[in-house]
Amino acid sequence: MKRAAAALLYLALSSTPVFAWNNYGHMAVAAIAWERLSDKPDIQAKITTLLKRNPLYNSFIAGVPQDIHDKVGFMMAATWPDIIKGDGQHIEDGAPGSHGNRPTGTPDDSRNIGYIDDLMHKYWHFIDGPFSSPNGVVSPLPDPAKPNAQTQIAVFRKTLSDPSVDEKIRSYDLTWLLHLVGDVHQPLHATSRFTQARPSGDNGGNDVKIKCGAHTDVSCHAGALHSFWDDVLGPSNATPEAVIDAQADFPDPDPALAAIADENVWIQESFDKARAVAYANPIGVDDASFTLTDDYKNQTFVTAQERVSLAGARLANLLAEALK
């Protein structure tokens, strides 16, 4: 039974559309956070107790060596908000084709009822901070729609900190926090660029087409700019053990930056990185397909590693504070 559950979980992970990062990136954020909590076994124990209420937890640790059960359960839980996009049990709660399948003012879009919620809430994964390139100005620019990643992080961290709230809801909120802290450190999850070619925005780079150019060591598949950023660190079907083995490759974050607890600052950083790096040359403003240079691909990889490392450190701090 354990092998069958693990196989089904693998299929869900492999076929699920990714939004940010892919499973590799989210597991890396969690692995870094877990390691930074190694001197707080009481916090780790509280995390594991809560995560065991996730309906897929037994599948997360099926076949995993006992000594890394808790770490792998934590890492896999960070991918759960993407798993539910393709599990056949959760439903899209907005208009087909709308950005993030956002509903239009329903009371369900920001509800917090735990795992009995059968909505995907895709629009919780990002916040569309708008900007317009100087050579393709569009105005006025719309404010980011709500709810979004920022509003949900604020809600979930508050609920997680309240021991009077039902554990099933706190488990659900913890699982989303593991994911969303990673999401908001992906630069293209913090912005949408408005140009004359795309006056309604580019959906966080999802509407910008790219070609990979010459072969490099940096993973690249022709398609959307957003997907390139999602996938740049490693394959989405990587095992947790493979991500743990690669954990040492991530740079140590600046301690002063790691100590920043305000999710609004994290999002502003990602917004700035998007403007400076994600939309840098050769990404233009036309409705065209842009060929990535080696410099662009390498800079994306370095930036992604830095952002994931920071996300892991900040996630550890958030959980230590919320569960103290």
Protein backbone atom coordinates (compact mmCIF):
# COMPACT_ATOMS: atom_id res chain seq x y z
CA MET A 1 0.00 0.00 0.00
CA LYS A 2 2.83 2.37 0.81
CA ARG A 3 4.41 1.81 -2.60
CA ALA A 4 1.07 2.41 -4.34
CA ALA A 5 0.53 5.65 -2.41
CA ALA A 6 4.03 6.80 -3.24
CA ALA A 7 3.49 6.04 -6.92
CA LEU A 8 0.25 8.05 -7.00
CA LEU A 9 1.99 10.94 -5.26
CA TYR A 10 4.82 10.82 -7.79
CA LEU A 11 2.33 11.03 -10.64
CA ALA A 12 0.65 14.02 -9.03
CA LEU A 13 3.97 15.79 -8.60
CA SER A 14 5.11 15.00 -12.13
CA SER A 15 1.91 16.12 -13.85
CA THR A 16 0.99 19.12 -11.73
CA PRO A 17 1.32 22.54 -13.39
CA VAL A 18 3.94 24.55 -11.55
CA PHE A 19 3.62 28.16 -10.55
CA ALA A 20 6.73 28.86 -8.43
CA TRP A 21 9.13 27.34 -7.77
CA ASN A 22 8.76 23.83 -9.16
CA ASN A 23 8.85 20.95 -6.65
CA TYR A 24 12.65 21.06 -6.53
CA GLY A 25 12.66 24.71 -5.51
CA HIS A 26 9.96 24.32 -2.88
CA MET A 27 11.64 21.27 -1.37
CA ALA A 28 14.94 23.18 -1.29
CA VAL A 29 13.34 26.08 0.62
CA ALA A 30 11.94 23.61 3.15
CA ALA A 31 15.19 21.62 3.44
CA ILE A 32 17.11 24.80 4.23
CA ALA A 33 14.49 25.88 6.77
CA TRP A 34 14.49 22.47 8.49
CA GLU A 35 18.27 22.52 8.82
CA ARG A 36 18.18 25.98 10.37
CA LEU A 37 15.66 24.68 12.91
CA SER A 38 17.93 21.79 13.91
CA ASP A 39 18.80 23.55 17.18
CA LYS A 40 15.07 23.85 17.98
CA PRO A 41 13.86 20.24 18.23
CA ASP A 42 10.75 21.39 20.10
CA ILE A 43 9.74 23.53 17.11
CA GLN A 44 10.47 20.68 14.70
CA ALA A 45 8.33 18.35 16.83
CA LYS A 46 5.41 20.80 16.79
CA ILE A 47 5.73 21.11 13.02
CA THR A 48 5.67 17.35 12.52
CA THR A 49 2.67 16.95 14.82
CA LEU A 50 0.72 19.47 12.77
CA LEU A 51 1.81 18.14 9.39
CA LYS A 52 0.70 14.61 10.27
CA ARG A 53 -2.83 15.97 9.88
CA ASN A 54 -2.21 16.60 6.18
CA PRO A 55 -4.19 13.97 4.24
CA LEU A 56 -1.12 13.02 2.17
CA TYR A 57 1.40 12.89 5.01
CA ASN A 58 1.75 9.10 5.02
CA SER A 59 2.41 9.21 1.28
CA PHE A 60 5.04 11.91 1.80
CA ILE A 61 7.16 9.60 3.95
CA ALA A 62 6.36 6.25 2.31
CA GLY A 63 9.58 4.31 1.77
CA VAL A 64 11.71 7.06 3.33
CA PRO A 65 14.47 6.10 5.80
CA GLN A 66 13.36 6.61 9.38
CA ASP A 67 16.12 9.09 10.21
CA ILE A 68 14.82 11.62 7.66
CA HIS A 69 11.07 10.96 8.01
CA ASP A 70 10.32 14.32 9.61
CA LYS A 71 12.51 16.35 7.26
CA VAL A 72 11.11 14.72 4.13
CA GLY A 73 7.55 15.08 5.43
CA PHE A 74 8.26 18.78 5.89
CA MET A 75 9.80 19.12 2.43
CA MET A 76 6.99 17.29 0.69
CA ALA A 77 4.33 19.26 2.54
CA ALA A 78 5.80 22.39 0.94
CA THR A 79 4.66 21.03 -2.45
CA TRP A 80 1.09 20.20 -1.37
CA PRO A 81 -0.54 23.47 -2.62
CA ASP A 82 0.73 22.54 -6.10
CA ILE A 83 -0.24 18.87 -5.78
CA ILE A 84 -3.89 19.81 -5.28
CA LYS A 85 -3.97 21.47 -8.71
CA GLY A 86 -3.81 18.05 -10.30
CA ASP A 87 -5.18 15.59 -7.75
CA GLY A 88 -8.68 15.36 -9.23
CA GLN A 89 -10.25 16.21 -5.87
CA HIS A 90 -9.84 19.99 -5.74
CA ILE A 91 -11.65 22.32 -8.10
CA GLU A 92 -10.80 25.58 -9.82
CA ASP A 93 -12.86 28.29 -8.22
CA GLY A 94 -12.70 31.03 -10.82
CA ALA A 95 -13.46 31.61 -14.47
CA PRO A 96 -11.59 29.25 -16.82
CA GLY A 97 -8.61 31.04 -18.31
CA SER A 98 -8.58 33.87 -15.79
CA HIS A 99 -5.23 34.66 -14.20
CA GLY A 100 -4.92 32.21 -11.34
CA ASN A 101 -8.56 31.23 -11.88
CA ARG A 102 -9.55 34.08 -9.62
CA PRO A 103 -13.23 34.20 -8.63
CA THR A 104 -15.06 37.49 -8.77
CA GLY A 105 -15.76 38.63 -5.23
CA THR A 106 -17.02 35.37 -3.77
CA PRO A 107 -16.85 34.85 0.00
CA ASP A 108 -14.92 31.62 -0.57
CA ASP A 109 -11.80 33.19 -2.07
CA SER A 110 -10.21 33.97 1.30
CA ARG A 111 -11.89 31.43 3.54
CA ASN A 112 -9.72 29.47 5.96
CA ILE A 113 -11.48 26.22 6.85
CA GLY A 114 -8.71 23.63 6.63
CA TYR A 115 -8.41 20.51 4.52
CA ILE A 116 -12.17 20.24 3.98
CA ASP A 117 -11.74 23.14 1.54
CA ASP A 118 -11.97 21.63 -1.96
CA LEU A 119 -10.87 24.80 -3.80
CA MET A 120 -7.42 25.13 -5.39
CA HIS A 121 -7.03 28.84 -4.59
CA LYS A 122 -4.46 29.29 -7.37
CA TYR A 123 -4.57 33.08 -6.92
CA TRP A 124 -3.07 32.70 -3.42
CA HIS A 125 0.28 31.81 -5.01
CA PHE A 126 1.26 35.27 -6.28
CA ILE A 127 0.78 39.03 -6.06
CA ASP A 128 0.77 41.06 -9.26
CA GLY A 129 2.75 44.17 -8.36
CA PRO A 130 2.38 46.18 -11.57
CA PHE A 131 5.05 48.01 -13.52
CA SER A 132 5.47 49.29 -17.04
CA SER A 133 8.73 49.38 -18.98
CA PRO A 134 9.93 52.86 -20.01
CA ASN A 135 9.70 52.00 -23.71
CA GLY A 136 6.24 50.47 -23.42
CA VAL A 137 4.43 52.63 -20.89
CA VAL A 138 0.88 51.80 -19.89
CA SER A 139 -1.10 53.84 -17.37
CA PRO A 140 -2.89 53.88 -15.08
CA LEU A 141 -1.64 50.62 -13.56
CA PRO A 142 -4.05 48.51 -11.51
CA ASP A 143 -3.53 47.65 -7.86
CA PRO A 144 -2.85 43.96 -7.16
CA ALA A 145 -6.06 41.96 -6.78
CA LYS A 146 -6.91 40.50 -3.37
CA PRO A 147 -6.66 37.99 -1.84
CA ASN A 148 -3.13 37.21 -2.91
CA ALA A 149 0.09 35.71 -1.56
CA GLN A 150 0.71 38.64 0.78
CA THR A 151 -2.75 38.68 2.34
CA GLN A 152 -2.69 34.91 2.84
CA ILE A 153 0.78 34.81 4.42
CA ALA A 154 -0.41 37.42 6.93
CA VAL A 155 -3.55 35.43 7.73
CA PHE A 156 -1.84 32.06 7.96
CA ARG A 157 1.05 33.15 10.16
CA LYS A 158 -1.41 34.78 12.57
CA THR A 159 -3.55 31.64 12.75
CA LEU A 160 -0.53 29.37 13.14
CA SER A 161 0.56 31.44 16.13
CA ASP A 162 -2.77 30.92 17.92
CA PRO A 163 -2.84 27.58 19.81
CA SER A 164 -6.56 28.03 20.47
CA VAL A 165 -7.32 27.43 16.76
CA ASP A 166 -8.21 23.86 15.74
CA GLU A 167 -5.09 21.86 14.82
CA LYS A 168 -6.58 20.82 11.47
CA ILE A 169 -6.79 24.45 10.40
CA ARG A 170 -3.34 25.27 11.77
CA SER A 171 -1.96 22.28 9.86
CA TYR A 172 -3.57 23.55 6.65
CA ASP A 173 -2.20 27.04 7.27
CA LEU A 174 1.28 25.68 8.04
CA THR A 175 1.26 23.71 4.80
CA TRP A 176 0.31 26.80 2.81
CA LEU A 177 2.95 28.89 4.59
CA LEU A 178 5.68 26.40 3.67
CA HIS A 179 4.69 26.94 0.05
CA LEU A 180 3.85 30.63 -0.07
CA VAL A 181 7.05 31.82 1.60
CA GLY A 182 8.83 30.10 -1.26
CA ASP A 183 6.44 31.52 -3.84
CA VAL A 184 6.93 35.17 -2.89
CA HIS A 185 10.70 34.80 -3.21
CA GLN A 186 10.31 33.90 -6.89
CA PRO A 187 10.62 37.30 -8.64
CA LEU A 188 7.92 36.58 -11.21
CA HIS A 189 5.43 35.82 -8.46
CA ALA A 190 5.60 39.41 -7.31
CA THR A 191 4.84 41.28 -10.50
CA SER A 192 3.02 41.59 -13.78
CA ARG A 193 4.52 43.78 -16.50
CA PHE A 194 2.20 46.01 -18.51
CA THR A 195 3.22 47.02 -22.02
CA GLN A 196 1.52 48.28 -25.13
CA ALA A 197 1.71 44.73 -26.49
CA ARG A 198 0.15 43.40 -23.25
CA PRO A 199 -2.00 46.21 -21.81
CA SER A 200 -3.64 43.79 -19.35
CA GLY A 201 -0.29 42.58 -18.01
CA ASP A 202 1.81 39.52 -18.81
CA ASN A 203 0.61 37.34 -15.90
CA GLY A 204 3.95 37.26 -14.16
CA GLY A 205 5.87 36.39 -17.31
CA ASN A 206 3.57 33.49 -18.20
CA ASP A 207 2.65 35.27 -21.44
CA VAL A 208 6.28 36.05 -22.39
CA LYS A 209 7.70 33.43 -24.75
CA ILE A 210 11.36 32.42 -24.72
CA LYS A 211 13.79 30.27 -26.66
CA CYS A 212 16.79 28.73 -24.94
CA GLY A 213 19.57 29.59 -27.34
CA ALA A 214 22.88 27.72 -27.16
CA HIS A 215 23.20 24.80 -24.74
CA THR A 216 24.51 25.61 -21.27
CA ASP A 217 24.63 23.85 -17.92
CA VAL A 218 21.56 25.84 -16.85
CA SER A 219 18.32 23.91 -17.38
CA CYS A 220 16.11 25.51 -20.02
CA HIS A 221 13.11 24.50 -22.10
CA ALA A 222 11.52 26.76 -24.70
CA GLY A 223 8.18 28.10 -23.57
CA ALA A 224 7.17 30.73 -21.03
CA LEU A 225 9.60 33.01 -19.20
CA HIS A 226 7.84 32.20 -15.94
CA SER A 227 8.37 28.47 -16.39
CA PHE A 228 12.07 28.99 -17.06
CA TRP A 229 12.41 30.71 -13.69
CA ASP A 230 10.36 28.02 -11.97
CA ASP A 231 12.50 25.19 -13.32
CA VAL A 232 15.98 26.71 -13.35
CA LEU A 233 17.25 25.08 -10.13
CA GLY A 234 16.50 21.46 -10.93
CA PRO A 235 13.92 18.96 -12.21
CA SER A 236 10.46 19.02 -10.69
CA ASN A 237 10.45 15.22 -10.30
CA ALA A 238 13.63 15.18 -8.18
CA THR A 239 13.42 13.09 -5.05
CA PRO A 240 13.64 14.73 -1.62
CA GLU A 241 16.89 12.81 -1.06
CA ALA A 242 18.39 14.38 -4.19
CA VAL A 243 17.43 17.85 -2.98
CA ILE A 244 18.93 17.12 0.45
CA ASP A 245 22.17 16.07 -1.24
CA ALA A 246 22.25 19.37 -3.16
CA GLN A 247 21.38 21.49 -0.14
CA ALA A 248 25.00 22.44 0.53
CA ASP A 249 25.23 24.05 -2.92
CA PHE A 250 22.97 26.91 -1.88
CA PRO A 251 24.75 30.04 -0.61
CA ASP A 252 24.41 31.19 2.97
CA PRO A 253 22.14 34.25 3.04
CA ASP A 254 23.17 37.60 4.46
CA PRO A 255 22.20 37.41 8.16
CA ALA A 256 20.71 40.92 8.11
CA LEU A 257 18.51 40.05 5.14
CA ALA A 258 17.58 36.68 6.60
CA ALA A 259 16.35 38.41 9.77
CA ILE A 260 13.74 40.48 7.88
CA ALA A 261 10.35 39.13 8.97
CA ASP A 262 7.99 41.39 7.00
CA GLU A 263 6.51 39.58 4.01
CA ASN A 264 5.88 42.95 2.34
CA VAL A 265 9.65 43.49 2.22
CA TRP A 266 10.19 40.01 0.77
CA ILE A 267 7.68 40.79 -1.96
CA GLN A 268 9.23 44.18 -2.71
CA GLU A 269 12.63 42.51 -3.06
CA SER A 270 11.20 40.02 -5.54
CA PHE A 271 9.48 42.82 -7.44
CA ASP A 272 12.80 44.66 -7.71
CA LYS A 273 14.60 41.49 -8.80
CA ALA A 274 11.99 40.92 -11.48
CA ARG A 275 12.52 44.37 -12.93
CA ALA A 276 16.32 44.19 -12.70
CA VAL A 277 16.94 40.55 -13.65
CA ALA A 278 13.87 38.71 -14.98
CA TYR A 279 13.00 41.46 -17.49
CA ALA A 280 16.61 42.33 -18.34
CA ASN A 281 18.05 42.03 -21.84
CA PRO A 282 17.24 40.08 -23.98
CA ILE A 283 13.63 40.17 -22.71
CA GLY A 284 11.91 42.91 -24.69
CA VAL A 285 8.46 44.50 -24.61
CA ASP A 286 7.15 43.26 -27.96
CA ASP A 287 4.85 40.32 -28.52
CA ALA A 288 7.74 38.12 -29.61
CA SER A 289 9.79 35.10 -28.57
CA PHE A 290 13.09 36.10 -26.97
CA THR A 291 16.25 33.98 -27.17
CA LEU A 292 17.99 33.73 -23.81
CA THR A 293 21.71 34.45 -23.65
CA ASP A 294 24.20 32.53 -21.51
CA ASP A 295 24.59 35.59 -19.27
CA TYR A 296 20.83 35.77 -18.71
CA LYS A 297 20.52 32.07 -17.91
CA ASN A 298 23.46 32.14 -15.52
CA GLN A 299 22.18 35.24 -13.73
CA THR A 300 18.76 33.64 -13.35
CA PHE A 301 20.33 30.56 -11.74
CA VAL A 302 22.40 32.64 -9.30
CA THR A 303 19.42 34.83 -8.41
CA ALA A 304 17.18 31.79 -7.92
CA GLN A 305 19.68 30.17 -5.56
CA GLU A 306 19.96 33.39 -3.55
CA ARG A 307 16.19 33.81 -3.30
CA VAL A 308 15.59 30.18 -2.27
CA SER A 309 18.30 30.41 0.36
CA LEU A 310 16.76 33.56 1.80
CA ALA A 311 13.29 32.02 1.70
CA GLY A 312 14.51 29.01 3.68
CA ALA A 313 16.12 31.16 6.36
CA ARG A 314 13.08 33.40 6.68
CA LEU A 315 10.69 30.45 6.78
CA ALA A 316 12.68 28.98 9.66
CA ASN A 317 12.48 32.28 11.55
CA LEU A 318 8.75 32.60 10.89
CA LEU A 319 8.02 29.11 12.19
CA ALA A 320 10.24 29.49 15.24
CA GLU A 321 8.38 32.67 16.16
CA ALA A 322 4.90 31.35 15.40
CA LEU A 323 5.35 28.07 17.30
CA LYS A 324 7.49 29.20 20.23
